Amino acid sequence: MSQKRSRRLRGTTTTATAETRRIQVALG
């Protein structure tokens, strides 16, 4: 990968709003 791409992929991001409820239920 280019360094620019590696830097952009660092850290965490939020998921799509539509998926959030399903994830919350799965995590109790």
PDB file of all heavy atoms in Angstrom:
ATOM      1  N   MET A   1       0.828  -1.205   0.000  1.00  0.00           N
ATOM      2  CA  MET A   1       0.000   0.000   0.000  1.00  0.00           C
ATOM      3  C   MET A   1       0.860   1.251   0.000  1.00  0.00           C
ATOM      4  O   MET A   1       1.965   1.255   0.530  1.00  0.00           O
ATOM      5  CB  MET A   1      -0.850   0.057   1.262  1.00  0.00           C
ATOM      6  CG  MET A   1      -2.058  -0.779   1.271  1.00  0.00           C
ATOM      7  SD  MET A   1      -3.004  -0.370   2.732  1.00  0.00           S
ATOM      8  CE  MET A   1      -3.637  -1.955   3.141  1.00  0.00           C
ATOM      9  N   SER A   2       0.305   2.317  -0.552  1.00  0.00           N
ATOM     10  CA  SER A   2       0.974   3.604  -0.440  1.00  0.00           C
ATOM     11  C   SER A   2       0.814   4.118   0.988  1.00  0.00           C
ATOM     12  O   SER A   2      -0.110   3.728   1.695  1.00  0.00           O
ATOM     13  CB  SER A   2       0.370   4.606  -1.421  1.00  0.00           C
ATOM     14  OG  SER A   2      -0.966   4.894  -1.061  1.00  0.00           O
ATOM     15  N   GLN A   3       1.720   4.972   1.418  1.00  0.00           N
ATOM     16  CA  GLN A   3       1.653   5.514   2.774  1.00  0.00           C
ATOM     17  C   GLN A   3       0.390   6.349   2.962  1.00  0.00           C
ATOM     18  O   GLN A   3      -0.191   6.370   4.042  1.00  0.00           O
ATOM     19  CB  GLN A   3       2.892   6.373   3.066  1.00  0.00           C
ATOM     20  CG  GLN A   3       4.149   5.552   3.244  1.00  0.00           C
ATOM     21  CD  GLN A   3       4.013   4.567   4.385  1.00  0.00           C
ATOM     22  OE1 GLN A   3       3.676   4.936   5.496  1.00  0.00           O
ATOM     23  NE2 GLN A   3       4.268   3.301   4.092  1.00  0.00           N
ATOM     24  N   LYS A   4      -0.032   7.008   1.907  1.00  0.00           N
ATOM     25  CA  LYS A   4      -1.249   7.821   1.977  1.00  0.00           C
ATOM     26  C   LYS A   4      -2.462   6.949   2.286  1.00  0.00           C
ATOM     27  O   LYS A   4      -3.305   7.295   3.109  1.00  0.00           O
ATOM     28  CB  LYS A   4      -1.446   8.543   0.646  1.00  0.00           C
ATOM     29  CG  LYS A   4      -2.638   9.463   0.599  1.00  0.00           C
ATOM     30  CD  LYS A   4      -2.677  10.183  -0.739  1.00  0.00           C
ATOM     31  CE  LYS A   4      -3.839  11.147  -0.810  1.00  0.00           C
ATOM     32  NZ  LYS A   4      -3.858  11.850  -2.112  1.00  0.00           N
ATOM     33  N   ARG A   5      -2.520   5.786   1.638  1.00  0.00           N
ATOM     34  CA  ARG A   5      -3.640   4.875   1.867  1.00  0.00           C
ATOM     35  C   ARG A   5      -3.592   4.287   3.277  1.00  0.00           C
ATOM     36  O   ARG A   5      -4.625   4.157   3.944  1.00  0.00           O
ATOM     37  CB  ARG A   5      -3.604   3.768   0.830  1.00  0.00           C
ATOM     38  CG  ARG A   5      -4.780   2.837   0.881  1.00  0.00           C
ATOM     39  CD  ARG A   5      -4.727   1.894  -0.290  1.00  0.00           C
ATOM     40  NE  ARG A   5      -5.641   0.788  -0.090  1.00  0.00           N
ATOM     41  CZ  ARG A   5      -5.579  -0.352  -0.761  1.00  0.00           C
ATOM     42  NH1 ARG A   5      -4.664  -0.532  -1.665  1.00  0.00           N
ATOM     43  NH2 ARG A   5      -6.449  -1.291  -0.528  1.00  0.00           N
ATOM     44  N   SER A   6      -2.392   3.934   3.752  1.00  0.00           N
ATOM     45  CA  SER A   6      -2.245   3.374   5.099  1.00  0.00           C
ATOM     46  C   SER A   6      -2.680   4.364   6.159  1.00  0.00           C
ATOM     47  O   SER A   6      -3.339   3.995   7.131  1.00  0.00           O
ATOM     48  CB  SER A   6      -0.799   2.970   5.346  1.00  0.00           C
ATOM     49  OG  SER A   6      -0.404   1.955   4.463  1.00  0.00           O
ATOM     50  N   ARG A   7      -2.317   5.607   5.999  1.00  0.00           N
ATOM     51  CA  ARG A   7      -2.709   6.644   6.967  1.00  0.00           C
ATOM     52  C   ARG A   7      -4.215   6.830   6.980  1.00  0.00           C
ATOM     53  O   ARG A   7      -4.821   7.003   8.039  1.00  0.00           O
ATOM     54  CB  ARG A   7      -2.033   7.975   6.621  1.00  0.00           C
ATOM     55  CG  ARG A   7      -0.595   8.083   7.041  1.00  0.00           C
ATOM     56  CD  ARG A   7      -0.115   9.523   6.977  1.00  0.00           C
ATOM     57  NE  ARG A   7      -0.322  10.132   5.676  1.00  0.00           N
ATOM     58  CZ  ARG A   7       0.548  10.054   4.662  1.00  0.00           C
ATOM     59  NH1 ARG A   7       1.675   9.377   4.794  1.00  0.00           N
ATOM     60  NH2 ARG A   7       0.301  10.649   3.529  1.00  0.00           N
ATOM     61  N   ARG A   8      -4.818   6.784   5.817  1.00  0.00           N
ATOM     62  CA  ARG A   8      -6.261   6.994   5.718  1.00  0.00           C
ATOM     63  C   ARG A   8      -7.052   5.855   6.376  1.00  0.00           C
ATOM     64  O   ARG A   8      -8.163   6.061   6.868  1.00  0.00           O
ATOM     65  CB  ARG A   8      -6.643   7.125   4.241  1.00  0.00           C
ATOM     66  CG  ARG A   8      -8.034   7.633   3.979  1.00  0.00           C
ATOM     67  CD  ARG A   8      -8.234   7.982   2.525  1.00  0.00           C
ATOM     68  NE  ARG A   8      -7.671   7.014   1.612  1.00  0.00           N
ATOM     69  CZ  ARG A   8      -8.265   5.884   1.223  1.00  0.00           C
ATOM     70  NH1 ARG A   8      -9.447   5.572   1.704  1.00  0.00           N
ATOM     71  NH2 ARG A   8      -7.677   5.069   0.369  1.00  0.00           N
ATOM     72  N   LEU A   9      -6.468   4.651   6.404  1.00  0.00           N
ATOM     73  CA  LEU A   9      -7.153   3.493   6.963  1.00  0.00           C
ATOM     74  C   LEU A   9      -6.943   3.332   8.464  1.00  0.00           C
ATOM     75  O   LEU A   9      -7.520   2.437   9.071  1.00  0.00           O
ATOM     76  CB  LEU A   9      -6.691   2.222   6.248  1.00  0.00           C
ATOM     77  CG  LEU A   9      -7.105   2.091   4.778  1.00  0.00           C
ATOM     78  CD1 LEU A   9      -6.468   0.875   4.162  1.00  0.00           C
ATOM     79  CD2 LEU A   9      -8.602   2.048   4.645  1.00  0.00           C
ATOM     80  N   ARG A  10      -6.126   4.177   9.075  1.00  0.00           N
ATOM     81  CA  ARG A  10      -5.879   4.062  10.514  1.00  0.00           C
ATOM     82  C   ARG A  10      -7.103   4.448  11.322  1.00  0.00           C
ATOM     83  O   ARG A  10      -7.962   5.207  10.861  1.00  0.00           O
ATOM     84  CB  ARG A  10      -4.738   4.993  10.919  1.00  0.00           C
ATOM     85  CG  ARG A  10      -3.386   4.396  10.744  1.00  0.00           C
ATOM     86  CD  ARG A  10      -2.341   5.309  11.338  1.00  0.00           C
ATOM     87  NE  ARG A  10      -1.078   5.068  10.655  1.00  0.00           N
ATOM     88  CZ  ARG A  10      -0.215   6.008  10.317  1.00  0.00           C
ATOM     89  NH1 ARG A  10      -0.446   7.260  10.615  1.00  0.00           N
ATOM     90  NH2 ARG A  10       0.898   5.688   9.703  1.00  0.00           N
ATOM     91  N   GLY A  11      -7.155   3.935  12.556  1.00  0.00           N
ATOM     92  CA  GLY A  11      -8.214   4.333  13.476  1.00  0.00           C
ATOM     93  C   GLY A  11      -9.517   3.622  13.220  1.00  0.00           C
ATOM     94  O   GLY A  11      -9.592   2.659  12.456  1.00  0.00           O
ATOM     95  N   THR A  12     -10.565   4.083  13.879  1.00  0.00           N
ATOM     96  CA  THR A  12     -11.883   3.468  13.743  1.00  0.00           C
ATOM     97  C   THR A  12     -12.861   4.472  13.145  1.00  0.00           C
ATOM     98  O   THR A  12     -12.663   5.683  13.238  1.00  0.00           O
ATOM     99  CB  THR A  12     -12.424   3.014  15.114  1.00  0.00           C
ATOM    100  OG1 THR A  12     -12.438   4.132  15.995  1.00  0.00           O
ATOM    101  CG2 THR A  12     -11.555   1.926  15.705  1.00  0.00           C
ATOM    102  N   THR A  13     -13.902   3.945  12.523  1.00  0.00           N
ATOM    103  CA  THR A  13     -14.946   4.783  11.943  1.00  0.00           C
ATOM    104  C   THR A  13     -16.302   4.241  12.375  1.00  0.00           C
ATOM    105  O   THR A  13     -16.402   3.117  12.867  1.00  0.00           O
ATOM    106  CB  THR A  13     -14.863   4.787  10.404  1.00  0.00           C
ATOM    107  OG1 THR A  13     -14.896   3.443   9.944  1.00  0.00           O
ATOM    108  CG2 THR A  13     -13.595   5.448   9.926  1.00  0.00           C
ATOM    109  N   THR A  14     -17.335   5.029  12.186  1.00  0.00           N
ATOM    110  CA  THR A  14     -18.676   4.588  12.551  1.00  0.00           C
ATOM    111  C   THR A  14     -19.286   3.787  11.407  1.00  0.00           C
ATOM    112  O   THR A  14     -18.941   3.984  10.246  1.00  0.00           O
ATOM    113  CB  THR A  14     -19.588   5.787  12.860  1.00  0.00           C
ATOM    114  OG1 THR A  14     -19.618   6.648  11.721  1.00  0.00           O
ATOM    115  CG2 THR A  14     -19.078   6.554  14.056  1.00  0.00           C
ATOM    116  N   THR A  15     -20.176   2.875  11.763  1.00  0.00           N
ATOM    117  CA  THR A  15     -20.865   2.091  10.744  1.00  0.00           C
ATOM    118  C   THR A  15     -22.061   2.879  10.220  1.00  0.00           C
ATOM    119  O   THR A  15     -22.406   3.937  10.747  1.00  0.00           O
ATOM    120  CB  THR A  15     -21.370   0.753  11.319  1.00  0.00           C
ATOM    121  OG1 THR A  15     -22.218   1.042  12.415  1.00  0.00           O
ATOM    122  CG2 THR A  15     -20.235  -0.114  11.779  1.00  0.00           C
ATOM    123  N   ALA A  16     -22.693   2.326   9.209  1.00  0.00           N
ATOM    124  CA  ALA A  16     -23.890   2.945   8.664  1.00  0.00           C
ATOM    125  C   ALA A  16     -24.996   2.928   9.723  1.00  0.00           C
ATOM    126  O   ALA A  16     -25.090   2.004  10.528  1.00  0.00           O
ATOM    127  CB  ALA A  16     -24.347   2.199   7.425  1.00  0.00           C
ATOM    128  N   THR A  17     -25.804   3.951   9.729  1.00  0.00           N
ATOM    129  CA  THR A  17     -26.873   4.080  10.722  1.00  0.00           C
ATOM    130  C   THR A  17     -27.852   2.919  10.649  1.00  0.00           C
ATOM    131  O   THR A  17     -28.366   2.471  11.671  1.00  0.00           O
ATOM    132  CB  THR A  17     -27.626   5.403  10.501  1.00  0.00           C
ATOM    133  OG1 THR A  17     -26.668   6.457  10.370  1.00  0.00           O
ATOM    134  CG2 THR A  17     -28.526   5.720  11.663  1.00  0.00           C
ATOM    135  N   ALA A  18     -28.103   2.398   9.459  1.00  0.00           N
ATOM    136  CA  ALA A  18     -29.059   1.308   9.290  1.00  0.00           C
ATOM    137  C   ALA A  18     -28.585   0.029   9.982  1.00  0.00           C
ATOM    138  O   ALA A  18     -29.403  -0.782  10.427  1.00  0.00           O
ATOM    139  CB  ALA A  18     -29.269   1.035   7.807  1.00  0.00           C
ATOM    140  N   GLU A  19     -27.280  -0.171  10.101  1.00  0.00           N
ATOM    141  CA  GLU A  19     -26.739  -1.387  10.703  1.00  0.00           C
ATOM    142  C   GLU A  19     -26.585  -1.276  12.215  1.00  0.00           C
ATOM    143  O   GLU A  19     -26.424  -2.290  12.907  1.00  0.00           O
ATOM    144  CB  GLU A  19     -25.366  -1.709  10.103  1.00  0.00           C
ATOM    145  CG  GLU A  19     -25.370  -1.923   8.611  1.00  0.00           C
ATOM    146  CD  GLU A  19     -26.185  -3.128   8.190  1.00  0.00           C
ATOM    147  OE1 GLU A  19     -26.214  -4.113   8.937  1.00  0.00           O
ATOM    148  OE2 GLU A  19     -26.799  -3.072   7.119  1.00  0.00           O
ATOM    149  N   THR A  20     -26.625  -0.074  12.760  1.00  0.00           N
ATOM    150  CA  THR A  20     -26.309   0.150  14.168  1.00  0.00           C
ATOM    151  C   THR A  20     -27.236  -0.611  15.094  1.00  0.00           C
ATOM    152  O   THR A  20     -26.782  -1.229  16.066  1.00  0.00           O
ATOM    153  CB  THR A  20     -26.370   1.660  14.488  1.00  0.00           C
ATOM    154  OG1 THR A  20     -25.455   2.346  13.634  1.00  0.00           O
ATOM    155  CG2 THR A  20     -25.984   1.924  15.924  1.00  0.00           C
ATOM    156  N   ARG A  21     -28.521  -0.634  14.827  1.00  0.00           N
ATOM    157  CA  ARG A  21     -29.475  -1.295  15.714  1.00  0.00           C
ATOM    158  C   ARG A  21     -29.218  -2.793  15.780  1.00  0.00           C
ATOM    159  O   ARG A  21     -29.266  -3.404  16.854  1.00  0.00           O
ATOM    160  CB  ARG A  21     -30.910  -1.006  15.237  1.00  0.00           C
ATOM    161  CG  ARG A  21     -31.973  -1.568  16.142  1.00  0.00           C
ATOM    162  CD  ARG A  21     -31.937  -0.923  17.522  1.00  0.00           C
ATOM    163  NE  ARG A  21     -32.833  -1.618  18.441  1.00  0.00           N
ATOM    164  CZ  ARG A  21     -32.623  -1.757  19.741  1.00  0.00           C
ATOM    165  NH1 ARG A  21     -31.558  -1.261  20.296  1.00  0.00           N
ATOM    166  NH2 ARG A  21     -33.479  -2.397  20.482  1.00  0.00           N
ATOM    167  N   ARG A  22     -28.924  -3.423  14.637  1.00  0.00           N
ATOM    168  CA  ARG A  22     -28.636  -4.858  14.614  1.00  0.00           C
ATOM    169  C   ARG A  22     -27.384  -5.184  15.413  1.00  0.00           C
ATOM    170  O   ARG A  22     -27.331  -6.197  16.109  1.00  0.00           O
ATOM    171  CB  ARG A  22     -28.463  -5.337  13.174  1.00  0.00           C
ATOM    172  CG  ARG A  22     -29.773  -5.478  12.448  1.00  0.00           C
ATOM    173  CD  ARG A  22     -29.604  -5.824  10.993  1.00  0.00           C
ATOM    174  NE  ARG A  22     -28.625  -6.869  10.790  1.00  0.00           N
ATOM    175  CZ  ARG A  22     -28.084  -7.155   9.608  1.00  0.00           C
ATOM    176  NH1 ARG A  22     -28.429  -6.457   8.543  1.00  0.00           N
ATOM    177  NH2 ARG A  22     -27.213  -8.121   9.485  1.00  0.00           N
ATOM    178  N   ILE A  23     -26.386  -4.332  15.331  1.00  0.00           N
ATOM    179  CA  ILE A  23     -25.144  -4.543  16.084  1.00  0.00           C
ATOM    180  C   ILE A  23     -25.397  -4.381  17.577  1.00  0.00           C
ATOM    181  O   ILE A  23     -24.891  -5.153  18.389  1.00  0.00           O
ATOM    182  CB  ILE A  23     -24.051  -3.583  15.578  1.00  0.00           C
ATOM    183  CG1 ILE A  23     -23.677  -3.933  14.141  1.00  0.00           C
ATOM    184  CG2 ILE A  23     -22.820  -3.637  16.476  1.00  0.00           C
ATOM    185  CD1 ILE A  23     -22.837  -2.900  13.448  1.00  0.00           C
ATOM    186  N   GLN A  24     -26.195  -3.409  17.943  1.00  0.00           N
ATOM    187  CA  GLN A  24     -26.516  -3.183  19.362  1.00  0.00           C
ATOM    188  C   GLN A  24     -27.221  -4.402  19.953  1.00  0.00           C
ATOM    189  O   GLN A  24     -26.918  -4.826  21.061  1.00  0.00           O
ATOM    190  CB  GLN A  24     -27.397  -1.952  19.526  1.00  0.00           C
ATOM    191  CG  GLN A  24     -26.684  -0.640  19.313  1.00  0.00           C
ATOM    192  CD  GLN A  24     -27.633   0.537  19.319  1.00  0.00           C
ATOM    193  OE1 GLN A  24     -28.842   0.376  19.203  1.00  0.00           O
ATOM    194  NE2 GLN A  24     -27.078   1.722  19.435  1.00  0.00           N
ATOM    195  N   VAL A  25     -28.158  -4.989  19.215  1.00  0.00           N
ATOM    196  CA  VAL A  25     -28.884  -6.159  19.685  1.00  0.00           C
ATOM    197  C   VAL A  25     -27.932  -7.348  19.824  1.00  0.00           C
ATOM    198  O   VAL A  25     -27.978  -8.087  20.812  1.00  0.00           O
ATOM    199  CB  VAL A  25     -30.053  -6.487  18.744  1.00  0.00           C
ATOM    200  CG1 VAL A  25     -30.670  -7.839  19.083  1.00  0.00           C
ATOM    201  CG2 VAL A  25     -31.101  -5.399  18.811  1.00  0.00           C
ATOM    202  N   ALA A  26     -27.041  -7.516  18.851  1.00  0.00           N
ATOM    203  CA  ALA A  26     -26.101  -8.640  18.891  1.00  0.00           C
ATOM    204  C   ALA A  26     -25.126  -8.534  20.047  1.00  0.00           C
ATOM    205  O   ALA A  26     -24.671  -9.541  20.582  1.00  0.00           O
ATOM    206  CB  ALA A  26     -25.331  -8.724  17.567  1.00  0.00           C
ATOM    207  N   LEU A  27     -24.825  -7.300  20.464  1.00  0.00           N
ATOM    208  CA  LEU A  27     -23.903  -7.093  21.581  1.00  0.00           C
ATOM    209  C   LEU A  27     -24.614  -7.023  22.920  1.00  0.00           C
ATOM    210  O   LEU A  27     -23.985  -6.805  23.947  1.00  0.00           O
ATOM    211  CB  LEU A  27     -23.102  -5.807  21.364  1.00  0.00           C
ATOM    212  CG  LEU A  27     -22.139  -5.826  20.170  1.00  0.00           C
ATOM    213  CD1 LEU A  27     -21.450  -4.489  20.022  1.00  0.00           C
ATOM    214  CD2 LEU A  27     -21.124  -6.947  20.311  1.00  0.00           C
ATOM    215  N   GLY A  28     -25.935  -7.195  22.911  1.00  0.00           N
ATOM    216  CA  GLY A  28     -26.694  -7.207  24.155  1.00  0.00           C
ATOM    217  C   GLY A  28     -26.883  -5.839  24.773  1.00  0.00           C
ATOM    218  O   GLY A  28     -26.979  -5.693  25.988  1.00  0.00           O
TER     219      GLY A  28
END
